[in-house]
Amino acid sequence: MNILEMCDPEVAKVPVGATAEQAIRAMLDRHVGAVAVTDENHRVAGIFTERDVLRRLALGDHDPRNVSVREVMTTPVEMATRATTASEALATMVERHYRHLPIVDDDGRLLGMLSIRNLLQAQIDTLTSQLDQARSVVL
């Protein structure tokens, strides 16, 4: 299974002109911890995460209704491609303390958002399948 297949079917994203409040609402509506921020060509311009809310909004003087997500998003963004393996993605996420990794095409257009939860669920599924196969051989 490639990393794009592990992602949630619909990508959580907001346009670069959105407000921080719109980005937060998208995260809440989708039950995710991050949204990709994309430009008019669907290229990733940044990522807005729960950590950005805490670091840049909660303790600052910004009103999420009036501040552009562009002002509080994380950029530059580390990204993966279809060629990135699950183990490479996991290594990057663990090493750099990321919980989300946008997946892009060769032109930087957003294809999906990989979360650490997606990777862990795929690993659980694999291990469960292996355990079921082992049980069937033993029984």
N, C-alpha and C. Protein backbone atom coordinates (compact mmCIF):
# COMPACT_ATOMS: atom_id res chain seq x y z
N MET A 1 0.85 -1.18 0.00
CA MET A 1 0.00 0.00 0.00
C MET A 1 0.89 1.24 0.00
N ASN A 2 0.62 2.17 -0.92
CA ASN A 2 1.43 3.40 -0.93
C ASN A 2 0.83 4.43 0.03
N ILE A 3 1.59 5.47 0.33
CA ILE A 3 1.15 6.42 1.35
C ILE A 3 -0.10 7.19 0.95
N LEU A 4 -0.31 7.39 -0.34
CA LEU A 4 -1.52 8.10 -0.77
C LEU A 4 -2.76 7.27 -0.47
N GLU A 5 -2.64 5.95 -0.57
CA GLU A 5 -3.76 5.07 -0.26
C GLU A 5 -4.07 5.03 1.24
N MET A 6 -3.12 5.42 2.05
CA MET A 6 -3.32 5.44 3.50
C MET A 6 -4.06 6.67 3.98
N CYS A 7 -4.06 7.72 3.18
CA CYS A 7 -4.65 8.99 3.58
C CYS A 7 -6.17 8.91 3.65
N ASP A 8 -6.74 9.84 4.40
CA ASP A 8 -8.19 9.98 4.41
C ASP A 8 -8.65 10.32 3.00
N PRO A 9 -9.83 9.83 2.60
CA PRO A 9 -10.28 10.01 1.21
C PRO A 9 -10.38 11.47 0.76
N GLU A 10 -10.78 12.35 1.65
CA GLU A 10 -10.92 13.75 1.28
C GLU A 10 -9.90 14.57 2.07
N VAL A 11 -9.15 15.40 1.37
CA VAL A 11 -8.08 16.18 1.99
C VAL A 11 -8.65 17.40 2.69
N ALA A 12 -8.22 17.62 3.91
CA ALA A 12 -8.58 18.84 4.63
C ALA A 12 -7.68 19.96 4.16
N LYS A 13 -8.29 20.98 3.57
CA LYS A 13 -7.49 22.09 3.05
C LYS A 13 -8.31 23.37 3.08
N VAL A 14 -7.60 24.48 3.03
CA VAL A 14 -8.22 25.80 2.93
C VAL A 14 -7.40 26.61 1.93
N PRO A 15 -8.04 27.58 1.30
CA PRO A 15 -7.28 28.45 0.39
C PRO A 15 -6.39 29.40 1.18
N VAL A 16 -5.34 29.85 0.54
CA VAL A 16 -4.37 30.73 1.18
C VAL A 16 -5.02 32.04 1.66
N GLY A 17 -6.13 32.42 1.09
CA GLY A 17 -6.82 33.64 1.51
C GLY A 17 -7.79 33.46 2.66
N ALA A 18 -7.88 32.25 3.20
CA ALA A 18 -8.81 31.96 4.30
C ALA A 18 -8.33 32.64 5.58
N THR A 19 -9.26 32.76 6.51
CA THR A 19 -8.89 33.26 7.83
C THR A 19 -8.46 32.08 8.69
N ALA A 20 -7.80 32.39 9.78
CA ALA A 20 -7.41 31.34 10.73
C ALA A 20 -8.66 30.66 11.27
N GLU A 21 -9.71 31.42 11.48
CA GLU A 21 -10.96 30.83 11.98
C GLU A 21 -11.50 29.80 10.99
N GLN A 22 -11.47 30.09 9.71
CA GLN A 22 -11.94 29.14 8.70
C GLN A 22 -11.09 27.87 8.71
N ALA A 23 -9.80 28.02 8.91
CA ALA A 23 -8.91 26.87 8.97
C ALA A 23 -9.21 26.03 10.21
N ILE A 24 -9.43 26.68 11.33
CA ILE A 24 -9.77 25.96 12.57
C ILE A 24 -11.10 25.23 12.40
N ARG A 25 -12.08 25.89 11.80
CA ARG A 25 -13.39 25.25 11.58
C ARG A 25 -13.25 24.03 10.66
N ALA A 26 -12.40 24.14 9.64
CA ALA A 26 -12.17 23.00 8.74
C ALA A 26 -11.56 21.83 9.51
N MET A 27 -10.63 22.14 10.40
CA MET A 27 -10.01 21.10 11.22
C MET A 27 -11.05 20.45 12.13
N LEU A 28 -11.88 21.25 12.75
CA LEU A 28 -12.91 20.72 13.65
C LEU A 28 -13.95 19.91 12.89
N ASP A 29 -14.38 20.43 11.74
CA ASP A 29 -15.40 19.73 10.94
C ASP A 29 -14.90 18.38 10.45
N ARG A 30 -13.62 18.30 10.15
CA ARG A 30 -13.03 17.07 9.60
C ARG A 30 -12.42 16.17 10.66
N HIS A 31 -12.38 16.66 11.91
CA HIS A 31 -11.78 15.90 13.02
C HIS A 31 -10.31 15.58 12.74
N VAL A 32 -9.59 16.59 12.26
CA VAL A 32 -8.18 16.44 11.96
C VAL A 32 -7.36 17.50 12.69
N GLY A 33 -6.07 17.28 12.78
CA GLY A 33 -5.20 18.20 13.48
C GLY A 33 -4.44 19.17 12.59
N ALA A 34 -4.72 19.12 11.28
CA ALA A 34 -4.01 20.01 10.37
C ALA A 34 -4.77 20.15 9.06
N VAL A 35 -4.60 21.29 8.43
CA VAL A 35 -5.13 21.51 7.09
C VAL A 35 -4.01 22.02 6.21
N ALA A 36 -4.04 21.60 4.97
CA ALA A 36 -3.10 22.15 3.99
C ALA A 36 -3.63 23.51 3.56
N VAL A 37 -2.74 24.42 3.33
CA VAL A 37 -3.10 25.75 2.82
C VAL A 37 -2.62 25.78 1.37
N THR A 38 -3.57 25.95 0.46
CA THR A 38 -3.23 25.85 -0.97
C THR A 38 -3.49 27.15 -1.71
N ASP A 39 -2.70 27.36 -2.76
CA ASP A 39 -2.89 28.53 -3.61
C ASP A 39 -3.93 28.23 -4.69
N GLU A 40 -4.12 29.15 -5.59
CA GLU A 40 -5.15 29.02 -6.62
C GLU A 40 -4.88 27.87 -7.59
N ASN A 41 -3.65 27.38 -7.63
CA ASN A 41 -3.30 26.24 -8.49
C ASN A 41 -3.24 24.92 -7.72
N HIS A 42 -3.76 24.93 -6.49
CA HIS A 42 -3.81 23.75 -5.61
C HIS A 42 -2.42 23.31 -5.15
N ARG A 43 -1.45 24.23 -5.25
CA ARG A 43 -0.11 23.94 -4.74
C ARG A 43 -0.08 24.26 -3.24
N VAL A 44 0.69 23.49 -2.51
CA VAL A 44 0.78 23.69 -1.06
C VAL A 44 1.62 24.94 -0.77
N ALA A 45 0.98 25.89 -0.11
CA ALA A 45 1.66 27.13 0.28
C ALA A 45 2.10 27.08 1.74
N GLY A 46 1.45 26.21 2.52
CA GLY A 46 1.76 26.08 3.93
C GLY A 46 0.90 25.01 4.56
N ILE A 47 1.06 24.85 5.84
CA ILE A 47 0.24 23.92 6.60
C ILE A 47 -0.15 24.63 7.90
N PHE A 48 -1.37 24.43 8.31
CA PHE A 48 -1.88 25.04 9.55
C PHE A 48 -2.28 23.90 10.47
N THR A 49 -1.66 23.86 11.64
CA THR A 49 -1.84 22.73 12.55
C THR A 49 -2.33 23.20 13.92
N GLU A 50 -2.67 22.23 14.75
CA GLU A 50 -3.05 22.54 16.13
C GLU A 50 -1.92 23.27 16.84
N ARG A 51 -0.71 22.92 16.53
CA ARG A 51 0.44 23.60 17.15
C ARG A 51 0.50 25.07 16.75
N ASP A 52 0.12 25.37 15.51
CA ASP A 52 0.07 26.77 15.08
C ASP A 52 -0.98 27.53 15.87
N VAL A 53 -2.11 26.88 16.14
CA VAL A 53 -3.15 27.52 16.96
C VAL A 53 -2.58 27.86 18.32
N LEU A 54 -1.90 26.91 18.93
CA LEU A 54 -1.35 27.13 20.27
C LEU A 54 -0.23 28.17 20.27
N ARG A 55 0.70 28.03 19.33
CA ARG A 55 1.88 28.91 19.33
C ARG A 55 1.59 30.31 18.83
N ARG A 56 0.75 30.43 17.84
CA ARG A 56 0.61 31.72 17.17
C ARG A 56 -0.70 32.43 17.44
N LEU A 57 -1.69 31.70 17.94
CA LEU A 57 -2.98 32.34 18.20
C LEU A 57 -3.32 32.40 19.67
N ALA A 58 -3.22 31.28 20.36
CA ALA A 58 -3.67 31.21 21.75
C ALA A 58 -2.93 32.18 22.66
N LEU A 59 -1.65 32.33 22.46
CA LEU A 59 -0.86 33.19 23.33
C LEU A 59 -0.53 34.54 22.70
N GLY A 60 -1.03 34.77 21.51
CA GLY A 60 -0.75 36.03 20.82
C GLY A 60 -1.93 36.98 20.88
N ASP A 61 -1.80 38.05 20.17
CA ASP A 61 -2.85 39.07 20.13
C ASP A 61 -3.72 38.94 18.90
N HIS A 62 -3.63 37.80 18.20
CA HIS A 62 -4.37 37.60 16.97
C HIS A 62 -5.80 37.14 17.25
N ASP A 63 -6.74 37.70 16.52
CA ASP A 63 -8.12 37.24 16.55
C ASP A 63 -8.29 36.33 15.34
N PRO A 64 -8.59 35.04 15.54
CA PRO A 64 -8.69 34.10 14.43
C PRO A 64 -9.68 34.53 13.35
N ARG A 65 -10.67 35.33 13.73
CA ARG A 65 -11.66 35.79 12.74
C ARG A 65 -11.09 36.84 11.80
N ASN A 66 -10.04 37.50 12.26
CA ASN A 66 -9.52 38.63 11.47
C ASN A 66 -8.11 38.44 10.95
N VAL A 67 -7.47 37.34 11.30
CA VAL A 67 -6.10 37.13 10.84
C VAL A 67 -6.11 36.11 9.70
N SER A 68 -5.33 36.39 8.70
CA SER A 68 -5.21 35.47 7.56
C SER A 68 -4.43 34.24 7.99
N VAL A 69 -4.87 33.09 7.49
CA VAL A 69 -4.15 31.86 7.79
C VAL A 69 -2.71 31.97 7.28
N ARG A 70 -2.49 32.75 6.26
CA ARG A 70 -1.15 32.97 5.71
C ARG A 70 -0.19 33.53 6.78
N GLU A 71 -0.72 34.34 7.68
CA GLU A 71 0.11 34.96 8.72
C GLU A 71 0.51 33.99 9.83
N VAL A 72 -0.25 32.93 10.01
CA VAL A 72 -0.01 32.04 11.15
C VAL A 72 0.29 30.59 10.76
N MET A 73 0.33 30.30 9.47
CA MET A 73 0.61 28.93 9.01
C MET A 73 2.10 28.65 9.10
N THR A 74 2.45 27.38 9.04
CA THR A 74 3.84 26.97 9.01
C THR A 74 4.30 26.89 7.56
N THR A 75 5.42 27.51 7.30
CA THR A 75 6.03 27.47 5.98
C THR A 75 7.53 27.68 6.15
N PRO A 76 8.38 27.08 5.39
CA PRO A 76 8.10 26.13 4.33
C PRO A 76 7.60 24.80 4.92
N VAL A 77 7.03 24.00 4.05
CA VAL A 77 6.43 22.74 4.46
C VAL A 77 7.23 21.57 3.89
N GLU A 78 7.55 20.64 4.76
CA GLU A 78 8.16 19.38 4.30
C GLU A 78 7.04 18.57 3.66
N MET A 79 7.28 18.02 2.49
CA MET A 79 6.24 17.28 1.79
C MET A 79 6.76 15.94 1.31
N ALA A 80 5.81 15.05 1.04
CA ALA A 80 6.11 13.74 0.48
C ALA A 80 5.53 13.67 -0.92
N THR A 81 5.98 12.68 -1.67
CA THR A 81 5.44 12.43 -3.01
C THR A 81 4.93 11.00 -3.05
N ARG A 82 4.34 10.64 -4.18
CA ARG A 82 3.88 9.25 -4.35
C ARG A 82 5.02 8.25 -4.19
N ALA A 83 6.23 8.69 -4.50
CA ALA A 83 7.40 7.80 -4.43
C ALA A 83 7.90 7.60 -3.00
N THR A 84 7.47 8.44 -2.08
CA THR A 84 7.89 8.32 -0.69
C THR A 84 7.28 7.05 -0.09
N THR A 85 8.11 6.25 0.54
CA THR A 85 7.60 5.03 1.17
C THR A 85 7.03 5.35 2.55
N ALA A 86 6.23 4.43 3.06
CA ALA A 86 5.66 4.61 4.39
C ALA A 86 6.76 4.72 5.43
N SER A 87 7.80 3.91 5.30
CA SER A 87 8.89 3.97 6.28
C SER A 87 9.65 5.28 6.19
N GLU A 88 9.84 5.81 5.00
CA GLU A 88 10.49 7.12 4.85
C GLU A 88 9.64 8.22 5.46
N ALA A 89 8.34 8.17 5.19
CA ALA A 89 7.43 9.17 5.75
C ALA A 89 7.43 9.11 7.27
N LEU A 90 7.36 7.90 7.80
CA LEU A 90 7.36 7.74 9.26
C LEU A 90 8.67 8.25 9.86
N ALA A 91 9.78 7.93 9.24
CA ALA A 91 11.08 8.40 9.74
C ALA A 91 11.13 9.92 9.76
N THR A 92 10.66 10.56 8.70
CA THR A 92 10.64 12.03 8.65
C THR A 92 9.75 12.59 9.74
N MET A 93 8.57 12.00 9.91
CA MET A 93 7.62 12.52 10.88
C MET A 93 8.14 12.36 12.31
N VAL A 94 8.74 11.23 12.61
CA VAL A 94 9.26 10.99 13.96
C VAL A 94 10.47 11.88 14.22
N GLU A 95 11.38 11.93 13.27
CA GLU A 95 12.62 12.70 13.43
C GLU A 95 12.34 14.19 13.61
N ARG A 96 11.38 14.70 12.88
CA ARG A 96 11.11 16.15 12.90
C ARG A 96 9.90 16.54 13.76
N HIS A 97 9.32 15.56 14.42
CA HIS A 97 8.17 15.80 15.31
C HIS A 97 6.95 16.34 14.57
N TYR A 98 6.72 15.83 13.37
CA TYR A 98 5.53 16.19 12.59
C TYR A 98 4.45 15.15 12.82
N ARG A 99 3.22 15.59 12.81
CA ARG A 99 2.12 14.63 12.86
C ARG A 99 1.38 14.56 11.53
N HIS A 100 1.72 15.47 10.62
CA HIS A 100 1.06 15.52 9.30
C HIS A 100 2.09 15.83 8.23
N LEU A 101 1.88 15.21 7.07
CA LEU A 101 2.80 15.38 5.96
C LEU A 101 1.98 15.46 4.67
N PRO A 102 1.95 16.63 4.02
CA PRO A 102 1.23 16.72 2.75
C PRO A 102 1.91 15.86 1.69
N ILE A 103 1.11 15.26 0.84
CA ILE A 103 1.61 14.50 -0.30
C ILE A 103 1.27 15.31 -1.55
N VAL A 104 2.29 15.54 -2.37
CA VAL A 104 2.11 16.39 -3.54
C VAL A 104 2.58 15.68 -4.80
N ASP A 105 2.12 16.20 -5.95
CA ASP A 105 2.60 15.68 -7.23
C ASP A 105 3.89 16.41 -7.59
N ASP A 106 4.41 16.17 -8.78
CA ASP A 106 5.68 16.76 -9.19
C ASP A 106 5.64 18.28 -9.31
N ASP A 107 4.43 18.85 -9.42
CA ASP A 107 4.28 20.30 -9.51
C ASP A 107 3.92 20.94 -8.18
N GLY A 108 3.93 20.15 -7.11
CA GLY A 108 3.62 20.69 -5.79
C GLY A 108 2.14 20.78 -5.49
N ARG A 109 1.31 20.18 -6.35
CA ARG A 109 -0.15 20.20 -6.11
C ARG A 109 -0.52 19.14 -5.09
N LEU A 110 -1.40 19.51 -4.20
CA LEU A 110 -1.81 18.65 -3.10
C LEU A 110 -2.57 17.43 -3.60
N LEU A 111 -2.13 16.25 -3.16
CA LEU A 111 -2.81 14.99 -3.48
C LEU A 111 -3.47 14.38 -2.25
N GLY A 112 -2.86 14.58 -1.09
CA GLY A 112 -3.37 14.00 0.14
C GLY A 112 -2.62 14.54 1.34
N MET A 113 -3.16 14.21 2.52
CA MET A 113 -2.50 14.59 3.76
C MET A 113 -2.32 13.33 4.59
N LEU A 114 -1.08 12.97 4.82
CA LEU A 114 -0.76 11.77 5.59
C LEU A 114 -0.60 12.17 7.06
N SER A 115 -1.26 11.43 7.93
CA SER A 115 -1.10 11.68 9.36
C SER A 115 -0.39 10.50 10.00
N ILE A 116 0.18 10.73 11.15
CA ILE A 116 0.84 9.66 11.89
C ILE A 116 -0.20 8.58 12.21
N ARG A 117 -1.45 9.00 12.42
CA ARG A 117 -2.54 8.06 12.68
C ARG A 117 -2.74 7.14 11.49
N ASN A 118 -2.68 7.68 10.27
CA ASN A 118 -2.82 6.85 9.07
C ASN A 118 -1.73 5.78 9.02
N LEU A 119 -0.51 6.17 9.32
CA LEU A 119 0.61 5.22 9.28
C LEU A 119 0.46 4.15 10.36
N LEU A 120 0.05 4.56 11.54
CA LEU A 120 -0.13 3.60 12.62
C LEU A 120 -1.27 2.64 12.32
N GLN A 121 -2.36 3.15 11.75
CA GLN A 121 -3.49 2.28 11.41
C GLN A 121 -3.09 1.26 10.34
N ALA A 122 -2.32 1.67 9.36
CA ALA A 122 -1.86 0.75 8.33
C ALA A 122 -0.98 -0.34 8.94
N GLN A 123 -0.12 0.05 9.90
CA GLN A 123 0.73 -0.94 10.56
C GLN A 123 -0.10 -1.91 11.39
N ILE A 124 -1.10 -1.41 12.09
CA ILE A 124 -2.00 -2.27 12.87
C ILE A 124 -2.72 -3.24 11.96
N ASP A 125 -3.21 -2.75 10.82
CA ASP A 125 -3.90 -3.62 9.86
C ASP A 125 -2.98 -4.73 9.36
N THR A 126 -1.74 -4.38 9.05
CA THR A 126 -0.78 -5.37 8.57
C THR A 126 -0.49 -6.42 9.64
N LEU A 127 -0.25 -5.96 10.85
CA LEU A 127 0.05 -6.89 11.94
C LEU A 127 -1.16 -7.79 12.27
N THR A 128 -2.36 -7.23 12.22
CA THR A 128 -3.57 -8.02 12.46
C THR A 128 -3.73 -9.09 11.40
N SER A 129 -3.48 -8.73 10.15
CA SER A 129 -3.57 -9.69 9.05
C SER A 129 -2.54 -10.81 9.23
N GLN A 130 -1.33 -10.44 9.59
CA GLN A 130 -0.29 -11.45 9.81
C GLN A 130 -0.65 -12.37 10.97
N LEU A 131 -1.22 -11.82 12.01
CA LEU A 131 -1.63 -12.63 13.15
C LEU A 131 -2.76 -13.58 12.77
N ASP A 132 -3.72 -13.09 11.99
CA ASP A 132 -4.82 -13.94 11.53
C ASP A 132 -4.29 -15.09 10.66
N GLN A 133 -3.33 -14.80 9.80
CA GLN A 133 -2.73 -15.84 8.95
C GLN A 133 -1.98 -16.87 9.80
N ALA A 134 -1.26 -16.40 10.78
CA ALA A 134 -0.52 -17.31 11.65
C ALA A 134 -1.47 -18.20 12.44
N ARG A 135 -2.56 -17.62 12.89
CA ARG A 135 -3.56 -18.40 13.65
C ARG A 135 -4.18 -19.48 12.78
N SER A 136 -4.44 -19.12 11.52
CA SER A 136 -5.08 -20.10 10.64
C SER A 136 -4.14 -21.28 10.33
N VAL A 137 -2.85 -21.05 10.32
CA VAL A 137 -1.89 -22.11 10.08
C VAL A 137 -1.79 -23.02 11.31
N VAL A 138 -1.80 -22.42 12.50
CA VAL A 138 -1.68 -23.16 13.74
C VAL A 138 -2.93 -23.97 14.01
N LEU A 139 -4.08 -23.42 13.70
CA LEU A 139 -5.35 -24.12 13.96
C LEU A 139 -5.64 -25.02 12.82
